[in-house]
C-alpha atoms as a PDB file:
ATOM      1  CA  MET A   1      15.943  55.561  17.215  1.00  0.00           C
ATOM      2  CA  SER A   2      17.063  51.959  16.958  1.00  0.00           C
ATOM      3  CA  LEU A   3      20.108  50.865  18.961  1.00  0.00           C
ATOM      4  CA  THR A   4      22.861  48.488  17.867  1.00  0.00           C
ATOM      5  CA  PHE A   5      22.531  45.787  20.500  1.00  0.00           C
ATOM      6  CA  THR A   6      26.014  44.836  21.641  1.00  0.00           C
ATOM      7  CA  VAL A   7      27.113  43.878  25.145  1.00  0.00           C
ATOM      8  CA  GLY A   8      27.666  47.037  27.157  1.00  0.00           C
ATOM      9  CA  ALA A   9      25.461  49.236  24.969  1.00  0.00           C
ATOM     10  CA  GLU A  10      23.331  51.659  26.965  1.00  0.00           C
ATOM     11  CA  LEU A  11      19.804  52.572  25.975  1.00  0.00           C
ATOM     12  CA  ASP A  12      18.821  56.235  25.851  1.00  0.00           C
ATOM     13  CA  PRO A  13      17.454  56.875  29.342  1.00  0.00           C
ATOM     14  CA  ILE A  14      14.016  58.288  30.057  1.00  0.00           C
ATOM     15  CA  SER A  15      13.543  60.797  32.878  1.00  0.00           C
ATOM     16  CA  GLN A  16       9.936  61.408  33.789  1.00  0.00           C
ATOM     17  CA  PRO A  17       8.242  63.358  36.568  1.00  0.00           C
ATOM     18  CA  SER A  18       5.351  61.838  38.458  1.00  0.00           C
ATOM     19  CA  SER A  19       2.511  64.180  39.293  1.00  0.00           C
ATOM     20  CA  LEU A  20      -1.121  64.172  40.241  1.00  0.00           C
ATOM     21  CA  VAL A  21      -1.922  64.713  36.548  1.00  0.00           C
ATOM     22  CA  THR A  22       0.138  61.708  35.365  1.00  0.00           C
ATOM     23  CA  SER A  23      -1.327  59.590  38.150  1.00  0.00           C
ATOM     24  CA  VAL A  24      -4.931  60.461  37.333  1.00  0.00           C
ATOM     25  CA  MET A  25      -4.289  59.992  33.607  1.00  0.00           C
ATOM     26  CA  TYR A  26      -2.733  56.574  34.244  1.00  0.00           C
ATOM     27  CA  ALA A  27      -5.629  55.626  36.542  1.00  0.00           C
ATOM     28  CA  GLY A  28      -8.058  56.458  33.733  1.00  0.00           C
ATOM     29  CA  ALA A  29      -6.085  54.539  31.122  1.00  0.00           C
ATOM     30  CA  SER A  30      -5.613  51.468  33.304  1.00  0.00           C
ATOM     31  CA  THR A  31      -8.869  51.666  35.309  1.00  0.00           C
ATOM     32  CA  ASP A  32      -6.748  51.332  38.470  1.00  0.00           C
ATOM     33  CA  TYR A  33      -8.489  53.887  40.686  1.00  0.00           C
ATOM     34  CA  ASN A  34      -6.748  52.990  43.935  1.00  0.00           C
ATOM     35  CA  PRO A  35      -6.820  56.236  45.974  1.00  0.00           C
ATOM     36  CA  LEU A  36      -3.246  55.510  47.074  1.00  0.00           C
ATOM     37  CA  HIS A  37      -2.248  57.106  43.773  1.00  0.00           C
ATOM     38  CA  TYR A  38      -4.175  60.393  44.000  1.00  0.00           C
ATOM     39  CA  ASP A  39      -5.882  61.012  47.366  1.00  0.00           C
ATOM     40  CA  PRO A  40      -3.556  62.669  49.913  1.00  0.00           C
ATOM     41  CA  ASP A  41      -5.847  61.898  52.869  1.00  0.00           C
ATOM     42  CA  PHE A  42      -6.135  58.207  52.044  1.00  0.00           C
ATOM     43  CA  ALA A  43      -2.479  57.874  51.056  1.00  0.00           C
ATOM     44  CA  GLY A  44      -1.447  59.615  54.273  1.00  0.00           C
ATOM     45  CA  GLN A  45      -2.966  56.692  56.176  1.00  0.00           C
ATOM     46  CA  VAL A  46      -1.645  53.786  54.107  1.00  0.00           C
ATOM     47  CA  SER A  47       1.292  54.858  51.920  1.00  0.00           C
ATOM     48  CA  PRO A  48       4.828  54.003  53.025  1.00  0.00           C
ATOM     49  CA  THR A  49       5.755  57.567  52.029  1.00  0.00           C
ATOM     50  CA  GLY A  50       2.815  59.167  53.830  1.00  0.00           C
ATOM     51  CA  ALA A  51       1.655  60.628  50.525  1.00  0.00           C
ATOM     52  CA  PRO A  52       0.381  59.500  47.104  1.00  0.00           C
ATOM     53  CA  ILE A  53       2.704  57.372  44.993  1.00  0.00           C
ATOM     54  CA  ALA A  54       2.891  56.697  41.249  1.00  0.00           C
ATOM     55  CA  HIS A  55       1.426  53.488  39.870  1.00  0.00           C
ATOM     56  CA  GLY A  56       4.074  50.790  39.608  1.00  0.00           C
ATOM     57  CA  MET A  57       2.776  49.846  36.188  1.00  0.00           C
ATOM     58  CA  TYR A  58       3.241  53.460  35.049  1.00  0.00           C
ATOM     59  CA  SER A  59       6.957  53.099  35.782  1.00  0.00           C
ATOM     60  CA  MET A  60       7.018  49.742  33.991  1.00  0.00           C
ATOM     61  CA  GLY A  61       5.306  51.386  31.024  1.00  0.00           C
ATOM     62  CA  LEU A  62       8.115  53.940  30.864  1.00  0.00           C
ATOM     63  CA  VAL A  63      10.665  51.117  30.806  1.00  0.00           C
ATOM     64  CA  SER A  64       8.681  49.499  28.004  1.00  0.00           C
ATOM     65  CA  ARG A  65       8.743  52.798  26.093  1.00  0.00           C
ATOM     66  CA  MET A  66      12.533  52.944  26.502  1.00  0.00           C
ATOM     67  CA  LEU A  67      12.955  49.347  25.236  1.00  0.00           C
ATOM     68  CA  THR A  68      10.573  49.906  22.329  1.00  0.00           C
ATOM     69  CA  ALA A  69      12.396  53.058  21.219  1.00  0.00           C
ATOM     70  CA  ALA A  70      15.777  51.335  21.371  1.00  0.00           C
ATOM     71  CA  ALA A  71      14.481  48.255  19.546  1.00  0.00           C
ATOM     72  CA  GLY A  72      12.866  50.221  16.746  1.00  0.00           C
ATOM     73  CA  GLY A  73       9.312  49.033  17.402  1.00  0.00           C
ATOM     74  CA  PRO A  74       7.109  47.088  19.825  1.00  0.00           C
ATOM     75  CA  GLU A  75       7.234  43.931  17.712  1.00  0.00           C
ATOM     76  CA  ARG A  76      10.914  43.542  18.621  1.00  0.00           C
ATOM     77  CA  VAL A  77      10.381  43.568  22.408  1.00  0.00           C
ATOM     78  CA  ALA A  78      10.048  39.901  23.359  1.00  0.00           C
ATOM     79  CA  ASP A  79       9.354  40.328  27.081  1.00  0.00           C
ATOM     80  CA  LEU A  80       9.905  42.492  30.131  1.00  0.00           C
ATOM     81  CA  GLN A  81       9.966  41.491  33.790  1.00  0.00           C
ATOM     82  CA  VAL A  82      10.480  43.947  36.625  1.00  0.00           C
ATOM     83  CA  ARG A  83      10.473  43.980  40.391  1.00  0.00           C
ATOM     84  CA  PHE A  84       9.158  47.060  42.190  1.00  0.00           C
ATOM     85  CA  SER A  85      11.451  47.770  45.125  1.00  0.00           C
ATOM     86  CA  LYS A  86      10.471  51.217  46.459  1.00  0.00           C
ATOM     87  CA  PRO A  87       7.478  53.494  45.940  1.00  0.00           C
ATOM     88  CA  TRP A  88       7.830  56.438  43.559  1.00  0.00           C
ATOM     89  CA  PRO A  89       6.454  59.544  45.333  1.00  0.00           C
ATOM     90  CA  LEU A  90       4.295  61.897  43.288  1.00  0.00           C
ATOM     91  CA  GLY A  91       6.018  65.199  42.636  1.00  0.00           C
ATOM     92  CA  THR A  92       9.418  63.607  41.989  1.00  0.00           C
ATOM     93  CA  THR A  93      11.299  62.544  38.878  1.00  0.00           C
ATOM     94  CA  ALA A  94      12.614  59.055  38.132  1.00  0.00           C
ATOM     95  CA  THR A  95      15.138  58.019  35.514  1.00  0.00           C
ATOM     96  CA  PHE A  96      14.906  54.708  33.679  1.00  0.00           C
ATOM     97  CA  THR A  97      18.026  53.137  32.184  1.00  0.00           C
ATOM     98  CA  GLY A  98      18.969  49.959  30.376  1.00  0.00           C
ATOM     99  CA  THR A  99      22.222  48.168  29.589  1.00  0.00           C
ATOM    100  CA  VAL A 100      22.696  45.251  27.202  1.00  0.00           C
ATOM    101  CA  THR A 101      24.283  42.383  29.140  1.00  0.00           C
ATOM    102  CA  GLU A 102      24.086  39.525  26.634  1.00  0.00           C
ATOM    103  CA  VAL A 103      23.298  38.895  22.978  1.00  0.00           C
ATOM    104  CA  THR A 104      22.615  35.291  22.024  1.00  0.00           C
ATOM    105  CA  GLY A 105      20.171  33.261  19.959  1.00  0.00           C
ATOM    106  CA  GLY A 106      18.689  36.343  18.295  1.00  0.00           C
ATOM    107  CA  LEU A 107      17.850  37.987  21.611  1.00  0.00           C
ATOM    108  CA  ALA A 108      19.534  40.819  23.470  1.00  0.00           C
ATOM    109  CA  THR A 109      19.184  40.777  27.255  1.00  0.00           C
ATOM    110  CA  VAL A 110      18.779  44.256  28.717  1.00  0.00           C
ATOM    111  CA  GLU A 111      19.052  44.945  32.442  1.00  0.00           C
ATOM    112  CA  VAL A 112      16.733  47.823  33.341  1.00  0.00           C
ATOM    113  CA  THR A 113      16.628  50.086  36.365  1.00  0.00           C
ATOM    114  CA  GLY A 114      14.411  52.893  37.585  1.00  0.00           C
ATOM    115  CA  THR A 115      16.014  55.344  39.973  1.00  0.00           C
ATOM    116  CA  ALA A 116      14.190  58.027  41.944  1.00  0.00           C
ATOM    117  CA  GLU A 117      15.682  61.484  42.269  1.00  0.00           C
ATOM    118  CA  ASP A 118      16.863  60.627  45.794  1.00  0.00           C
ATOM    119  CA  GLY A 119      19.024  57.842  44.294  1.00  0.00           C
ATOM    120  CA  GLN A 120      16.886  54.931  45.469  1.00  0.00           C
ATOM    121  CA  THR A 121      16.054  52.140  43.044  1.00  0.00           C
ATOM    122  CA  ILE A 122      12.300  51.969  42.467  1.00  0.00           C
ATOM    123  CA  LEU A 123      12.408  49.049  40.031  1.00  0.00           C
ATOM    124  CA  SER A 124      14.831  46.657  38.395  1.00  0.00           C
ATOM    125  CA  GLY A 125      14.436  43.907  35.901  1.00  0.00           C
ATOM    126  CA  VAL A 126      15.280  42.335  32.572  1.00  0.00           C
ATOM    127  CA  GLY A 127      13.906  42.735  29.076  1.00  0.00           C
ATOM    128  CA  HIS A 128      14.636  40.801  25.917  1.00  0.00           C
ATOM    129  CA  VAL A 129      14.765  42.360  22.480  1.00  0.00           C
ATOM    130  CA  ARG A 130      14.789  40.510  19.166  1.00  0.00           C
ATOM    131  CA  VAL A 131      17.917  41.460  17.216  1.00  0.00           C
END
């Protein structure tokens, strides 16, 4: 559903679990087969969580889905930039939100955030939508 982009408007959030299934599916789609995302033995040696973590680009893809839904189609999303700040452990749910902070020159600026179920920010960034 398309959103009316005015300053302060909030996009419909997306809450998504991460799991071994989503991680393996994303690995297949992206061809990123880093065992950090699916192998508990390997991840136990190298992961900051001591266990497998979701692909960062999977979380960015969810933010892109949120922006696209709010904009009414992918052709209206001009760009998206995010910073990954914490790993997203498999087996947990993250929520992705967006708030319009500026509308000027035919573009709406949307601040986006991904928050893990423990309250930690896993990503933050800015997207621009053509209005």
